[in-house]
Amino acid sequence: MFKFPVFFAEAPAADLGQGLQQTIMLVALAVIFFYFIIWRPEQKRRKEMEAKRKAMKKGDKVVVAGGILGEVYKIQTDTIIIKLSDGAKMEVMKGALQDLQPSTGPEQPEEPKTKE
């Protein structure tokens, strides 16, 4: 009578269960890793930036995507108008803001230091 080779034999049920358990553990560890390393810090950064956008007022310094620097000139519903250093004005989406520095009030020139 013909006998099948060993590699056609069925694997024991215990080996299949153990492999499945290891796979589930690896997937769970990967999800935990990505949550604490990528998703959570990004979520915190996004909330902080949203709070800055809501507190934004005229005169604040902003950095727009692409590295454009300007000062908030006018705030609209979804956009802001920024004033560039040469006096030109540009309208940008609020979502394009990368950084926002609140204004400290009227700027005063530094007093020259004297040597004593």
C-alpha atoms as a PDB file:
ATOM      1  CA  MET A   1       0.000   0.000   0.000  1.00  0.00           C
ATOM      2  CA  PHE A   2       1.126   3.564  -0.781  1.00  0.00           C
ATOM      3  CA  LYS A   3       2.252   5.761   2.149  1.00  0.00           C
ATOM      4  CA  PHE A   4       2.253   9.546   1.931  1.00  0.00           C
ATOM      5  CA  PRO A   5       5.553  11.304   2.574  1.00  0.00           C
ATOM      6  CA  VAL A   6       6.026  12.946   5.958  1.00  0.00           C
ATOM      7  CA  PHE A   7       5.604  16.504   4.651  1.00  0.00           C
ATOM      8  CA  PHE A   8       1.960  15.772   3.761  1.00  0.00           C
ATOM      9  CA  ALA A   9       1.151  14.748   7.282  1.00  0.00           C
ATOM     10  CA  GLU A  10      -1.079  17.077   9.290  1.00  0.00           C
ATOM     11  CA  ALA A  11       0.596  19.230  11.902  1.00  0.00           C
ATOM     12  CA  PRO A  12      -0.454  18.618  15.473  1.00  0.00           C
ATOM     13  CA  ALA A  13      -3.163  21.005  16.715  1.00  0.00           C
ATOM     14  CA  ALA A  14      -0.921  22.288  19.533  1.00  0.00           C
ATOM     15  CA  ASP A  15       1.620  23.708  17.062  1.00  0.00           C
ATOM     16  CA  LEU A  16      -1.061  25.633  15.142  1.00  0.00           C
ATOM     17  CA  GLY A  17      -2.480  27.133  18.354  1.00  0.00           C
ATOM     18  CA  GLN A  18       0.953  28.188  19.573  1.00  0.00           C
ATOM     19  CA  GLY A  19       1.797  29.869  16.249  1.00  0.00           C
ATOM     20  CA  LEU A  20      -1.505  31.765  16.304  1.00  0.00           C
ATOM     21  CA  GLN A  21      -0.866  32.880  19.871  1.00  0.00           C
ATOM     22  CA  GLN A  22       2.604  34.183  18.956  1.00  0.00           C
ATOM     23  CA  THR A  23       1.192  36.056  15.975  1.00  0.00           C
ATOM     24  CA  ILE A  24      -1.483  37.700  18.125  1.00  0.00           C
ATOM     25  CA  MET A  25       1.142  38.731  20.698  1.00  0.00           C
ATOM     26  CA  LEU A  26       3.384  40.265  18.006  1.00  0.00           C
ATOM     27  CA  VAL A  27       0.480  42.219  16.530  1.00  0.00           C
ATOM     28  CA  ALA A  28      -0.532  43.463  20.002  1.00  0.00           C
ATOM     29  CA  LEU A  29       3.041  44.584  20.752  1.00  0.00           C
ATOM     30  CA  ALA A  30       3.260  46.382  17.396  1.00  0.00           C
ATOM     31  CA  VAL A  31      -0.002  48.250  18.066  1.00  0.00           C
ATOM     32  CA  ILE A  32       1.174  49.291  21.544  1.00  0.00           C
ATOM     33  CA  PHE A  33       4.544  50.401  20.140  1.00  0.00           C
ATOM     34  CA  PHE A  34       2.978  52.539  17.410  1.00  0.00           C
ATOM     35  CA  TYR A  35       0.471  54.062  19.849  1.00  0.00           C
ATOM     36  CA  PHE A  36       3.098  55.294  22.318  1.00  0.00           C
ATOM     37  CA  ILE A  37       5.797  56.203  19.793  1.00  0.00           C
ATOM     38  CA  ILE A  38       3.791  57.727  16.926  1.00  0.00           C
ATOM     39  CA  TRP A  39       0.064  58.284  17.471  1.00  0.00           C
ATOM     40  CA  ARG A  40       0.018  59.669  21.021  1.00  0.00           C
ATOM     41  CA  PRO A  41       2.751  62.328  20.594  1.00  0.00           C
ATOM     42  CA  GLU A  42       1.217  63.429  17.283  1.00  0.00           C
ATOM     43  CA  GLN A  43      -2.199  63.743  18.926  1.00  0.00           C
ATOM     44  CA  LYS A  44      -0.737  65.886  21.730  1.00  0.00           C
ATOM     45  CA  ARG A  45       1.088  68.117  19.231  1.00  0.00           C
ATOM     46  CA  ARG A  46      -2.089  68.545  17.183  1.00  0.00           C
ATOM     47  CA  LYS A  47      -4.124  69.561  20.267  1.00  0.00           C
ATOM     48  CA  GLU A  48      -1.477  72.096  21.319  1.00  0.00           C
ATOM     49  CA  MET A  49      -1.412  73.670  17.859  1.00  0.00           C
ATOM     50  CA  GLU A  50      -5.215  73.824  17.737  1.00  0.00           C
ATOM     51  CA  ALA A  51      -5.223  75.644  21.091  1.00  0.00           C
ATOM     52  CA  LYS A  52      -2.644  78.122  19.738  1.00  0.00           C
ATOM     53  CA  ARG A  53      -4.770  78.715  16.628  1.00  0.00           C
ATOM     54  CA  LYS A  54      -7.842  79.471  18.746  1.00  0.00           C
ATOM     55  CA  ALA A  55      -5.871  81.924  20.930  1.00  0.00           C
ATOM     56  CA  MET A  56      -4.266  83.641  17.923  1.00  0.00           C
ATOM     57  CA  LYS A  57      -4.623  87.414  17.722  1.00  0.00           C
ATOM     58  CA  LYS A  58      -3.456  90.259  15.516  1.00  0.00           C
ATOM     59  CA  GLY A  59       0.270  90.894  15.792  1.00  0.00           C
ATOM     60  CA  ASP A  60       1.334  87.311  16.570  1.00  0.00           C
ATOM     61  CA  LYS A  61       4.327  85.954  14.654  1.00  0.00           C
ATOM     62  CA  VAL A  62       3.586  82.875  12.499  1.00  0.00           C
ATOM     63  CA  VAL A  63       5.481  80.332  10.424  1.00  0.00           C
ATOM     64  CA  VAL A  64       3.520  78.950   7.483  1.00  0.00           C
ATOM     65  CA  ALA A  65       4.234  75.638   5.713  1.00  0.00           C
ATOM     66  CA  GLY A  66       7.186  76.174   3.439  1.00  0.00           C
ATOM     67  CA  GLY A  67       8.997  78.383   5.955  1.00  0.00           C
ATOM     68  CA  ILE A  68       7.202  81.656   5.229  1.00  0.00           C
ATOM     69  CA  LEU A  69       7.446  84.041   8.183  1.00  0.00           C
ATOM     70  CA  GLY A  70       4.897  86.732   8.865  1.00  0.00           C
ATOM     71  CA  GLU A  71       2.740  88.591  11.336  1.00  0.00           C
ATOM     72  CA  VAL A  72      -1.004  88.069  11.755  1.00  0.00           C
ATOM     73  CA  TYR A  73      -2.764  91.015  10.100  1.00  0.00           C
ATOM     74  CA  LYS A  74      -6.394  89.809  10.030  1.00  0.00           C
ATOM     75  CA  ILE A  75      -8.161  86.654  11.245  1.00  0.00           C
ATOM     76  CA  GLN A  76     -11.040  85.224   9.228  1.00  0.00           C
ATOM     77  CA  THR A  77     -13.136  82.072   9.660  1.00  0.00           C
ATOM     78  CA  ASP A  78     -10.916  79.505   7.918  1.00  0.00           C
ATOM     79  CA  THR A  79      -8.033  81.695   6.808  1.00  0.00           C
ATOM     80  CA  ILE A  80      -5.740  84.393   8.118  1.00  0.00           C
ATOM     81  CA  ILE A  81      -4.047  87.257   6.343  1.00  0.00           C
ATOM     82  CA  ILE A  82      -0.404  87.602   7.255  1.00  0.00           C
ATOM     83  CA  LYS A  83       1.817  90.593   6.702  1.00  0.00           C
ATOM     84  CA  LEU A  84       5.274  89.755   5.384  1.00  0.00           C
ATOM     85  CA  SER A  85       8.450  91.677   6.218  1.00  0.00           C
ATOM     86  CA  ASP A  86       8.276  93.800   3.042  1.00  0.00           C
ATOM     87  CA  GLY A  87       4.690  94.864   3.783  1.00  0.00           C
ATOM     88  CA  ALA A  88       3.019  92.450   1.355  1.00  0.00           C
ATOM     89  CA  LYS A  89      -0.032  90.589   2.601  1.00  0.00           C
ATOM     90  CA  MET A  90      -0.817  86.928   1.970  1.00  0.00           C
ATOM     91  CA  GLU A  91      -3.947  84.904   2.766  1.00  0.00           C
ATOM     92  CA  VAL A  92      -3.274  81.374   4.086  1.00  0.00           C
ATOM     93  CA  MET A  93      -5.355  78.569   5.567  1.00  0.00           C
ATOM     94  CA  LYS A  94      -5.200  78.255   9.344  1.00  0.00           C
ATOM     95  CA  GLY A  95      -4.248  74.595   8.916  1.00  0.00           C
ATOM     96  CA  ALA A  96      -1.044  75.616   7.109  1.00  0.00           C
ATOM     97  CA  LEU A  97       0.411  77.201  10.244  1.00  0.00           C
ATOM     98  CA  GLN A  98       3.397  75.310  11.598  1.00  0.00           C
ATOM     99  CA  ASP A  99       4.336  77.550  14.504  1.00  0.00           C
ATOM    100  CA  LEU A 100       2.847  80.530  16.295  1.00  0.00           C
ATOM    101  CA  GLN A 101       4.617  82.919  18.661  1.00  0.00           C
ATOM    102  CA  PRO A 102       2.316  85.199  20.662  1.00  0.00           C
ATOM    103  CA  SER A 103       3.182  88.884  20.502  1.00  0.00           C
ATOM    104  CA  THR A 104       4.691  90.378  23.631  1.00  0.00           C
ATOM    105  CA  GLY A 105       3.193  93.808  23.134  1.00  0.00           C
ATOM    106  CA  PRO A 106       4.829  96.876  21.656  1.00  0.00           C
ATOM    107  CA  GLU A 107       8.440  96.201  20.852  1.00  0.00           C
ATOM    108  CA  GLN A 108      10.972  98.420  22.567  1.00  0.00           C
ATOM    109  CA  PRO A 109      14.443  98.845  21.159  1.00  0.00           C
ATOM    110  CA  GLU A 110      17.270  97.516  23.242  1.00  0.00           C
ATOM    111  CA  GLU A 111      19.249 100.111  25.123  1.00  0.00           C
ATOM    112  CA  PRO A 112      22.884 100.260  24.166  1.00  0.00           C
ATOM    113  CA  LYS A 113      25.151  98.798  26.806  1.00  0.00           C
ATOM    114  CA  THR A 114      27.875 101.017  28.120  1.00  0.00           C
ATOM    115  CA  LYS A 115      31.214  99.760  29.343  1.00  0.00           C
ATOM    116  CA  GLU A 116      32.019 100.788  32.849  1.00  0.00           C
END
